[in-house]
Amino acid sequence: MELTGPTFDRARELVARGMRAADAVHSAAAEALRADVLLTCDDQLWRVGQRLAGELNVRIANPVEWLKEQLDATNPG
């Protein structure tokens, strides 16, 4: 994916909301690609993602917790 001006604009918005610059670029790129989820082992990114969940167009999740959710959804009982 080529990063575009709108992606960087969105990243700047996320930085203004408290996200670190590199995390903001990754999140903005995931939004631009219309990803369902951005998996991260970075606790700080995950915490900011939880705080901004209502403002993001991508879910930020821990991969272990996300996988557990997926397994629970396919094996409900």
Protein backbone atom coordinates (compact mmCIF):
# COMPACT_ATOMS: atom_id res chain seq x y z
CA MET A 1 0.00 0.00 0.00
CA GLU A 2 1.25 3.46 -0.82
CA LEU A 3 0.72 5.94 2.00
CA THR A 4 -1.24 8.94 0.78
CA GLY A 5 -1.85 12.45 2.04
CA PRO A 6 -5.23 11.52 3.55
CA THR A 7 -3.62 8.62 5.42
CA PHE A 8 -1.01 10.97 6.90
CA ASP A 9 -3.75 13.50 7.70
CA ARG A 10 -5.63 10.81 9.61
CA ALA A 11 -2.40 9.79 11.37
CA ARG A 12 -1.92 13.39 12.50
CA GLU A 13 -5.48 13.37 13.91
CA LEU A 14 -4.68 10.21 15.85
CA VAL A 15 -1.45 11.70 17.19
CA ALA A 16 -3.45 14.69 18.40
CA ARG A 17 -5.72 12.22 20.25
CA GLY A 18 -2.72 10.69 22.07
CA MET A 19 -1.40 7.98 19.77
CA ARG A 20 2.33 7.69 19.09
CA ALA A 21 3.33 8.71 15.55
CA ALA A 22 4.30 5.28 14.19
CA ASP A 23 1.21 3.68 15.78
CA ALA A 24 -0.95 6.40 14.26
CA VAL A 25 0.44 5.72 10.78
CA HIS A 26 -0.18 1.98 11.19
CA SER A 27 -3.71 2.59 12.44
CA ALA A 28 -4.49 5.10 9.69
CA ALA A 29 -3.17 2.68 7.06
CA ALA A 30 -5.32 -0.13 8.51
CA GLU A 31 -8.34 2.17 8.34
CA ALA A 32 -7.52 3.11 4.74
CA LEU A 33 -7.34 -0.58 3.83
CA ARG A 34 -10.67 -1.13 5.61
CA ALA A 35 -9.15 -3.79 7.84
CA ASP A 36 -11.46 -5.32 10.42
CA VAL A 37 -8.77 -5.54 13.06
CA LEU A 38 -5.21 -4.38 13.72
CA LEU A 39 -3.47 -6.94 15.91
CA THR A 40 -0.75 -5.73 18.25
CA CYS A 41 1.35 -7.00 21.15
CA ASP A 42 2.08 -3.39 22.08
CA ASP A 43 0.18 -2.73 25.30
CA GLN A 44 0.33 1.04 24.89
CA LEU A 45 -1.16 0.91 21.39
CA TRP A 46 -3.82 -1.50 22.63
CA ARG A 47 -4.76 0.80 25.54
CA VAL A 48 -4.99 3.86 23.27
CA GLY A 49 -7.00 1.77 20.80
CA GLN A 50 -9.46 0.87 23.55
CA ARG A 51 -9.76 4.50 24.64
CA LEU A 52 -10.35 5.66 21.05
CA ALA A 53 -12.47 2.69 19.96
CA GLY A 54 -15.49 4.87 19.20
CA GLU A 55 -13.39 7.15 17.01
CA LEU A 56 -11.46 4.51 15.07
CA ASN A 57 -12.53 2.74 11.91
CA VAL A 58 -10.48 -0.32 12.83
CA ARG A 59 -10.48 -2.43 15.96
CA ILE A 60 -7.14 -2.67 17.76
CA ALA A 61 -6.76 -6.00 19.54
CA ASN A 62 -4.24 -8.22 21.27
CA PRO A 63 -3.62 -11.26 19.01
CA VAL A 64 -3.99 -13.83 21.81
CA GLU A 65 -7.27 -12.36 23.04
CA TRP A 66 -8.52 -11.96 19.46
CA LEU A 67 -7.72 -15.60 18.68
CA LYS A 68 -9.53 -16.75 21.83
CA GLU A 69 -12.59 -14.77 20.70
CA GLN A 70 -12.44 -16.37 17.27
CA LEU A 71 -12.15 -19.86 18.74
CA ASP A 72 -14.99 -19.20 21.21
CA ALA A 73 -17.19 -17.97 18.35
CA THR A 74 -16.62 -21.16 16.35
CA ASN A 75 -16.85 -23.53 19.36
CA PRO A 76 -19.60 -22.09 21.57
CA GLY A 77 -19.84 -24.65 24.28
